[in-house]
Protein backbone atom coordinates (compact mmCIF):
# COMPACT_ATOMS: atom_id res chain seq x y z
CA MET A 1 -25.46 41.34 32.01
CA GLY A 2 -21.85 40.44 32.89
CA ALA A 3 -22.52 36.77 32.04
CA ALA A 4 -24.05 37.74 28.71
CA LEU A 5 -21.05 39.90 27.84
CA GLY A 6 -18.76 37.03 28.79
CA LEU A 7 -20.53 34.72 26.34
CA ALA A 8 -19.80 37.12 23.52
CA GLY A 9 -16.10 36.31 23.84
CA CYS A 10 -16.34 32.49 23.97
CA GLU A 11 -17.42 29.76 21.58
CA THR A 12 -19.90 26.98 22.23
CA PRO A 13 -18.62 23.41 21.98
CA ARG A 14 -19.13 21.75 18.60
CA SER A 15 -17.84 18.84 16.51
CA GLY A 16 -16.19 20.87 13.76
CA PRO A 17 -16.39 23.92 11.49
CA MET A 18 -19.60 25.25 10.00
CA THR A 19 -20.21 25.11 6.25
CA ARG A 20 -19.74 28.86 5.87
CA GLU A 21 -16.44 28.67 7.77
CA ILE A 22 -15.09 26.00 5.43
CA GLU A 23 -16.14 28.10 2.45
CA GLN A 24 -14.46 31.17 3.93
CA ASP A 25 -11.29 29.26 4.81
CA SER A 26 -10.96 27.98 1.22
CA THR A 27 -10.48 31.58 0.02
CA ASN A 28 -8.33 32.62 3.02
CA PRO A 29 -6.69 29.35 4.08
CA GLY A 30 -3.85 30.75 6.15
CA ASP A 31 -1.07 28.24 6.85
CA PHE A 32 -2.89 25.23 5.35
CA PRO A 33 -4.20 25.93 1.85
CA PHE A 34 -6.76 23.52 0.42
CA ARG A 35 -9.13 23.36 -2.54
CA LEU A 36 -12.88 23.43 -1.94
CA VAL A 37 -14.54 21.58 -4.82
CA PRO A 38 -18.37 21.48 -5.00
CA VAL A 39 -19.25 18.12 -6.52
CA ASP A 40 -21.28 18.29 -9.71
CA VAL A 41 -21.67 16.01 -12.74
CA ALA A 42 -18.40 17.21 -14.29
CA VAL A 43 -16.40 16.62 -11.10
CA SER A 44 -18.01 13.22 -10.62
CA GLY A 45 -17.01 12.22 -14.15
CA ILE A 46 -13.40 13.23 -13.58
CA LEU A 47 -13.13 11.24 -10.34
CA LEU A 48 -14.71 8.15 -11.85
CA ARG A 49 -11.91 8.08 -14.41
CA VAL A 50 -9.17 8.28 -11.78
CA PRO A 51 -7.91 4.82 -10.72
CA ASP A 52 -7.64 3.95 -7.06
CA ASP A 53 -3.88 3.59 -6.57
CA SER A 54 -4.30 2.04 -3.12
CA MET A 55 -5.54 -1.16 -4.78
CA SER A 56 -3.25 -0.97 -7.81
CA ALA A 57 0.16 -2.49 -8.48
CA ARG A 58 1.25 0.63 -10.30
CA GLY A 59 4.60 1.92 -9.05
CA PHE A 60 5.72 -1.51 -7.82
CA PHE A 61 8.72 -3.38 -9.24
CA ARG A 62 8.14 -4.55 -12.79
CA PRO A 63 7.87 -8.32 -13.24
CA ASP A 64 10.94 -9.92 -14.82
CA ARG A 65 9.77 -12.26 -17.60
CA SER A 66 13.26 -13.14 -18.83
CA PRO A 67 14.15 -16.87 -18.74
CA GLY A 68 16.78 -18.26 -16.41
CA GLY A 69 17.15 -19.22 -12.80
CA PRO A 70 18.88 -17.80 -9.77
CA VAL A 71 22.38 -16.44 -10.27
CA LEU A 72 25.40 -17.77 -8.41
CA GLY A 73 27.43 -16.02 -5.77
CA PRO A 74 30.06 -16.63 -3.06
CA GLY A 75 29.34 -19.60 -0.83
CA ASP A 76 27.15 -21.47 -3.32
CA VAL A 77 28.04 -25.13 -3.88
CA LEU A 78 27.85 -26.74 -7.33
CA SER A 79 27.56 -30.33 -8.46
CA ILE A 80 29.01 -30.63 -11.99
CA THR A 81 28.68 -33.66 -14.26
CA VAL A 82 30.56 -34.00 -17.55
CA MET A 83 29.51 -36.47 -20.22
CA GLU A 84 32.40 -37.75 -22.37
CA PRO A 85 31.64 -39.40 -25.70
CA ALA A 86 33.62 -42.58 -24.84
CA SER A 87 35.10 -44.29 -21.84
CA GLY A 88 38.75 -43.79 -21.11
CA GLY A 89 38.49 -40.01 -21.50
CA VAL A 90 40.32 -37.28 -19.64
CA PHE A 91 37.96 -37.54 -16.64
CA SER A 92 37.89 -41.35 -16.44
CA GLY A 93 38.17 -42.70 -12.97
CA ILE A 94 36.60 -39.72 -11.27
CA ASN A 95 33.24 -41.08 -10.11
CA SER A 96 32.53 -42.11 -13.72
CA GLN A 97 29.61 -44.18 -14.92
CA SER A 98 29.26 -45.89 -18.27
CA VAL A 99 26.32 -44.89 -20.41
CA GLY A 100 24.94 -46.69 -23.44
CA ASN A 101 27.07 -49.87 -23.41
CA GLN A 102 30.17 -47.85 -22.53
CA SER A 103 29.87 -45.66 -25.62
CA ALA A 104 29.85 -42.66 -23.28
CA ALA A 105 30.73 -41.92 -19.67
CA LEU A 106 29.23 -39.63 -17.08
CA VAL A 107 31.80 -38.10 -14.78
CA THR A 108 30.58 -36.36 -11.61
CA LEU A 109 33.24 -34.14 -10.11
CA PRO A 110 33.57 -33.44 -6.40
CA GLU A 111 31.35 -30.59 -5.28
CA LEU A 112 32.82 -27.17 -5.98
CA SER A 113 32.28 -24.03 -3.89
CA VAL A 114 32.12 -20.54 -5.32
CA ASP A 115 34.80 -18.46 -3.62
CA SER A 116 34.60 -14.85 -2.44
CA GLN A 117 35.63 -13.64 -5.92
CA GLY A 118 32.79 -15.53 -7.56
CA THR A 119 35.03 -18.18 -9.16
CA ILE A 120 35.47 -21.95 -9.08
CA SER A 121 38.55 -24.06 -9.83
CA PHE A 122 37.69 -26.55 -12.57
CA PRO A 123 40.00 -29.41 -13.67
CA LEU A 124 41.88 -28.83 -16.95
CA VAL A 125 40.42 -25.34 -17.18
CA GLY A 126 41.54 -23.63 -14.03
CA SER A 127 39.79 -20.63 -12.51
CA VAL A 128 36.36 -19.95 -14.00
CA HIS A 129 34.29 -16.93 -13.02
CA VAL A 130 30.69 -18.00 -12.36
CA GLY A 131 29.43 -15.18 -10.13
CA GLY A 132 26.28 -13.59 -11.51
CA LEU A 133 25.65 -16.49 -13.90
CA THR A 134 22.86 -19.07 -13.84
CA THR A 135 23.65 -22.78 -13.70
CA ARG A 136 22.71 -23.07 -17.38
CA GLN A 137 25.10 -20.28 -18.30
CA VAL A 138 27.89 -21.94 -16.27
CA ALA A 139 27.30 -25.24 -18.08
CA SER A 140 27.53 -23.51 -21.45
CA LYS A 141 30.70 -21.69 -20.40
CA LEU A 142 32.38 -24.90 -19.27
CA GLU A 143 31.43 -26.68 -22.49
CA ASP A 144 33.15 -23.92 -24.47
CA GLU A 145 36.25 -24.25 -22.31
CA LEU A 146 36.37 -28.06 -22.73
CA LYS A 147 35.87 -28.20 -26.50
CA SER A 148 39.61 -28.03 -27.11
CA ARG A 149 40.16 -31.02 -24.84
CA ILE A 150 37.07 -33.22 -25.26
CA ILE A 151 35.07 -34.06 -28.35
CA GLN A 152 31.48 -32.75 -28.03
CA PRO A 153 31.51 -32.31 -24.25
CA GLN A 154 28.23 -31.96 -22.40
CA VAL A 155 28.12 -30.38 -18.96
CA MET A 156 25.33 -30.41 -16.38
CA VAL A 157 25.45 -28.06 -13.38
CA ARG A 158 23.26 -28.31 -10.30
CA LEU A 159 23.09 -25.95 -7.36
CA VAL A 160 23.32 -28.13 -4.24
CA GLY A 161 24.31 -25.48 -1.69
CA ASN A 162 22.26 -22.32 -2.05
CA LEU A 163 23.58 -19.43 0.04
CA THR A 164 23.27 -16.53 -2.39
CA ASN A 165 19.71 -17.07 -3.55
CA LYS A 166 17.84 -16.64 -0.32
CA VAL A 167 15.12 -14.16 0.52
CA ILE A 168 13.65 -13.17 3.87
CA ILE A 169 9.89 -13.07 4.39
CA ALA A 170 9.02 -11.16 7.57
CA GLY A 171 6.12 -9.39 9.21
CA ALA A 172 2.48 -10.48 9.17
CA VAL A 173 2.94 -14.03 7.86
CA LYS A 174 2.30 -17.25 9.75
CA SER A 175 5.81 -18.68 9.30
CA PRO A 176 8.36 -15.90 8.67
CA GLY A 177 11.89 -16.94 7.79
CA GLU A 178 14.54 -17.39 5.13
CA PHE A 179 13.56 -19.12 1.88
CA ASP A 180 15.46 -20.42 -1.15
CA VAL A 181 14.90 -19.16 -4.66
CA THR A 182 15.38 -22.20 -6.84
CA ALA A 183 15.85 -22.66 -10.57
CA ALA A 184 12.06 -22.66 -10.86
CA GLY A 185 12.12 -18.92 -10.16
CA GLU A 186 9.62 -18.54 -7.31
CA THR A 187 7.43 -15.45 -7.36
CA LEU A 188 6.55 -13.19 -4.48
CA LEU A 189 3.07 -14.71 -4.06
CA GLN A 190 4.52 -18.23 -4.12
CA LEU A 191 6.99 -17.51 -1.33
CA VAL A 192 4.41 -15.64 0.74
CA THR A 193 2.24 -18.76 0.42
CA ARG A 194 5.23 -20.93 1.40
CA ALA A 195 5.56 -18.73 4.50
CA GLY A 196 2.03 -19.68 5.50
CA GLY A 197 0.24 -16.70 4.02
CA PRO A 198 -0.83 -13.49 5.79
CA ILE A 199 -2.26 -13.54 9.29
CA VAL A 200 -4.88 -10.91 8.36
CA PRO A 201 -7.00 -10.42 5.22
CA PRO A 202 -4.87 -9.59 2.14
CA SER A 203 -6.64 -6.25 1.72
CA ASP A 204 -5.20 -5.16 5.09
CA VAL A 205 -1.62 -6.07 4.15
CA VAL A 206 0.97 -3.92 2.40
CA VAL A 207 3.89 -5.83 0.87
CA GLU A 208 7.15 -3.90 1.23
CA LEU A 209 9.87 -5.30 -1.03
CA THR A 210 13.45 -4.07 -0.58
CA ARG A 211 15.78 -4.85 -3.49
CA ASN A 212 19.25 -3.38 -4.01
CA GLY A 213 18.56 -0.64 -1.47
CA THR A 214 15.23 0.40 -3.03
CA THR A 215 11.92 -0.26 -1.24
CA ARG A 216 8.55 -0.25 -3.00
CA SER A 217 5.13 -1.18 -1.69
CA VAL A 218 1.95 -2.73 -2.98
CA ARG A 219 -1.18 -4.11 -1.35
CA LEU A 220 -1.22 -7.88 -1.25
CA GLN A 221 -4.81 -7.86 -2.49
CA ALA A 222 -3.69 -5.85 -5.55
CA LEU A 223 -1.20 -8.59 -6.48
CA ILE A 224 -3.89 -11.22 -6.05
CA ASN A 225 -6.28 -9.21 -8.21
CA GLN A 226 -3.58 -8.59 -10.86
CA PRO A 227 -1.54 -11.83 -11.18
CA THR A 228 0.46 -10.36 -14.08
CA ALA A 229 2.02 -7.92 -11.59
CA ASP A 230 3.46 -10.78 -9.52
CA LEU A 231 7.25 -10.87 -9.91
CA LYS A 232 10.06 -13.35 -9.42
CA LEU A 233 12.10 -12.81 -6.30
CA LYS A 234 15.89 -12.64 -6.36
CA GLY A 235 18.57 -13.54 -3.87
CA GLY A 236 18.99 -10.81 -1.28
CA ASP A 237 15.38 -9.58 -1.51
CA PHE A 238 13.75 -8.63 1.77
CA VAL A 239 9.96 -8.85 1.94
CA ASN A 240 8.01 -7.39 4.84
CA LEU A 241 4.26 -7.76 5.19
CA ALA A 242 2.92 -4.78 7.15
CA VAL A 243 -0.60 -4.62 8.57
CA LYS A 244 -2.16 -1.39 7.31
CA PRO A 245 -5.96 -1.66 7.19
CA ARG A 246 -7.81 0.45 4.65
CA ILE A 247 -10.08 2.78 6.62
CA TYR A 248 -12.17 5.91 6.40
CA LEU A 249 -13.27 8.32 9.13
CA ILE A 250 -16.77 9.72 9.49
CA MET A 251 -17.38 12.56 11.93
CA GLY A 252 -19.53 15.58 12.70
CA ALA A 253 -23.34 15.51 12.75
CA ILE A 254 -23.43 11.72 12.55
CA GLY A 255 -23.67 10.96 16.26
CA ARG A 256 -20.05 10.05 16.99
CA THR A 257 -16.73 9.89 15.21
CA THR A 258 -16.20 6.45 13.69
CA GLU A 259 -13.20 4.76 12.11
CA ALA A 260 -14.62 2.18 9.73
CA ALA A 261 -12.99 -0.49 7.58
CA LEU A 262 -13.00 0.20 3.87
CA PRO A 263 -14.12 -2.99 2.12
CA THR A 264 -12.36 -4.45 -0.91
CA GLU A 265 -15.42 -3.75 -3.04
CA GLN A 266 -16.23 -0.14 -3.88
CA LEU A 267 -17.94 1.86 -1.12
CA THR A 268 -19.71 5.05 -2.14
CA LEU A 269 -20.38 8.06 0.05
CA ALA A 270 -24.09 7.20 0.04
CA ASN A 271 -23.29 3.66 1.23
CA ALA A 272 -21.05 4.97 4.00
CA LEU A 273 -23.69 7.42 5.26
CA ALA A 274 -26.31 4.67 5.26
CA ARG A 275 -24.02 2.28 7.17
CA ASN A 276 -23.43 4.91 9.84
CA GLY A 277 -27.05 5.92 10.39
CA GLY A 278 -27.29 8.78 7.92
CA LEU A 279 -27.57 12.48 8.64
CA ILE A 280 -29.22 13.51 11.92
CA ASP A 281 -32.32 15.42 10.84
CA MET A 282 -32.31 17.99 13.64
CA ARG A 283 -28.56 18.57 13.52
CA ALA A 284 -26.89 18.11 10.14
CA ASP A 285 -26.51 20.80 7.49
CA VAL A 286 -27.74 19.21 4.27
CA LYS A 287 -25.56 21.63 2.30
CA GLY A 288 -22.51 20.76 4.37
CA VAL A 289 -21.49 17.18 3.65
CA PHE A 290 -17.76 17.07 2.93
CA VAL A 291 -15.11 14.51 1.98
CA LEU A 292 -11.48 15.39 2.69
CA ARG A 293 -8.61 13.71 0.83
CA TYR A 294 -5.29 14.37 -0.87
CA GLU A 295 -5.34 14.39 -4.66
CA THR A 296 -2.44 14.19 -7.09
CA LYS A 297 -1.22 17.12 -9.11
CA GLN A 298 -2.64 15.48 -12.25
CA VAL A 299 -6.16 15.28 -10.78
CA ILE A 300 -6.00 18.88 -9.54
CA SER A 301 -5.17 20.05 -13.06
CA GLN A 302 -8.52 18.61 -14.16
CA LEU A 303 -10.59 19.72 -11.17
CA THR A 304 -9.28 23.30 -11.00
CA PRO A 305 -7.45 24.04 -14.28
CA ASP A 306 -7.34 27.75 -13.42
CA GLN A 307 -5.45 26.92 -10.19
CA PRO A 308 -2.57 24.58 -11.10
CA ALA A 309 -0.91 22.73 -8.24
CA ASP A 310 2.72 23.39 -7.33
CA THR A 311 3.09 20.31 -5.11
CA PRO A 312 2.73 16.57 -5.91
CA TYR A 313 -0.31 16.22 -3.61
CA VAL A 314 -2.95 18.79 -2.69
CA PRO A 315 -5.56 18.62 0.10
CA VAL A 316 -9.06 18.77 -1.37
CA VAL A 317 -12.41 19.23 0.36
CA TYR A 318 -15.30 17.90 -1.73
CA GLN A 319 -18.66 19.47 -0.92
CA PHE A 320 -22.05 17.81 -1.43
CA ASN A 321 -25.43 19.52 -1.35
CA PHE A 322 -28.17 17.15 -0.21
CA GLN A 323 -30.78 19.88 -0.43
CA ALA A 324 -30.75 19.22 -4.17
CA THR A 325 -31.94 15.85 -5.47
CA SER A 326 -28.80 15.56 -7.59
CA GLY A 327 -26.73 15.46 -4.40
CA PHE A 328 -28.01 11.97 -3.61
CA PHE A 329 -27.12 10.65 -7.08
CA LEU A 330 -23.69 12.26 -6.95
CA ALA A 331 -23.04 10.77 -3.49
CA ASP A 332 -23.96 7.35 -4.85
CA SER A 333 -21.28 7.63 -7.56
CA PHE A 334 -18.56 9.09 -5.32
CA VAL A 335 -16.28 6.19 -4.33
CA LEU A 336 -14.48 6.52 -1.00
CA ARG A 337 -10.77 5.77 -0.79
CA ASP A 338 -8.29 4.79 1.87
CA ARG A 339 -7.92 7.45 4.61
CA ASP A 340 -10.82 9.60 3.39
CA ILE A 341 -12.49 11.78 6.03
CA VAL A 342 -16.25 12.25 5.77
CA TYR A 343 -17.42 15.31 7.69
CA LEU A 344 -21.02 16.38 8.29
CA SER A 345 -21.33 19.99 9.36
CA ASN A 346 -23.87 21.11 11.93
CA ALA A 347 -26.76 23.22 10.71
CA PRO A 348 -26.61 26.96 11.63
CA SER A 349 -29.78 26.58 13.70
CA VAL A 350 -28.06 23.94 15.83
CA GLU A 351 -25.19 26.27 16.66
CA LEU A 352 -27.69 29.03 17.50
CA GLN A 353 -29.59 26.65 19.79
CA LYS A 354 -26.32 25.68 21.52
CA PHE A 355 -25.57 29.36 22.13
CA LEU A 356 -29.05 29.98 23.52
CA ASP A 357 -28.76 26.98 25.82
CA VAL A 358 -25.49 28.28 27.25
CA PHE A 359 -26.95 31.79 27.47
CA ARG A 360 -29.98 30.51 29.37
CA VAL A 361 -27.86 28.51 31.83
CA ALA A 362 -25.48 31.41 32.44
CA VAL A 363 -28.04 34.22 32.70
CA ALA A 364 -30.87 32.44 34.55
CA PRO A 365 -29.14 32.59 37.97
CA ALA A 366 -28.66 36.34 37.55
CA PHE A 367 -32.35 36.84 36.83
CA SER A 368 -33.20 34.66 39.81
CA ALA A 369 -31.02 36.85 42.04
CA VAL A 370 -32.69 39.99 40.68
CA GLY A 371 -36.09 38.49 41.40
CA VAL A 372 -35.12 37.63 44.96
CA ALA A 373 -33.77 41.15 45.54
CA ALA A 374 -36.96 42.66 44.19
CA SER A 375 -39.06 40.51 46.52
CA VAL A 376 -36.99 41.55 49.49
CA ASN A 377 -37.35 45.23 48.57
CA ASN A 378 -41.09 44.89 48.17
CA SER A 379 -41.44 43.25 51.58
CA LEU A 380 -39.39 46.00 53.24
CA ASN A 381 -41.53 48.68 51.66
């Protein structure tokens, strides 16, 4: 009797909450409020219209489609060539070459370095600010300055010492290091390729780009899938490739808790259950199949319009009923996302059987002792 009373105050081991407990907790959540959303046709339709941001380039830096090359900064070295319309001009004798039977001369000046103020010292002109300009813009600026001294001057500027326009590619690439951004305007994917590419599948890599103190992330696979989202890198950019596999968890009445890789193609709840052996007939509650995830405030406003969200993200527990035929169709249209948790609740009969098993183990020795005592009394009488 004492053992039986003791069992009344303890709980039998189990893999998680019962279906009725989840339903009760949704109305009295305590310190962790969540939304319990039974999945029906309307809910399924809403979720199918919501894009999967984990494989989207939305929120990443916008591609810069403006023309031009890398801009100049302190430490860069320039090679500048001036074409004069005739020999014997103001720059004659400075590494000059005749062009077109001496009707014009090309004059290549000694290499010029951009100082800490972003300026160069140019003959006949003096100090010229070039910081933040492209080589084409510098050439145009010098031509304007020389027009009062040379008839129809033409200037060509090449970047021969590139210190400003370097980016760092680090993390999960085969050859991390420092790379130049040339006048061609290399994009993020081009420089990642130049660094040897990722050491793991692109779907498992998150690209973290830090620019001017701001860091934004995107999955490498999303950039590959959406080439228009690829952007040109700029000097000073820092790119880190972090390994963050897309996964989902499945636990409860499925045999054992499993962390599984989420493939690049869509994986539905029905597919996930099939891959993990399905529901255990003698254990799972067919009315208690749940998917736990965080949804945005915008999605919550559609799922539960009478309960608007007051935070950017809200924990949601989606409930499926496999006792109804529609539950199978709805599960086949429910697409799993990164970090989803699939939970299969135990059936009430399973919990009752667990309690009876513990009760039998705990009380049987007492009954055996009573039987022995009775036998002893009978023999004495």
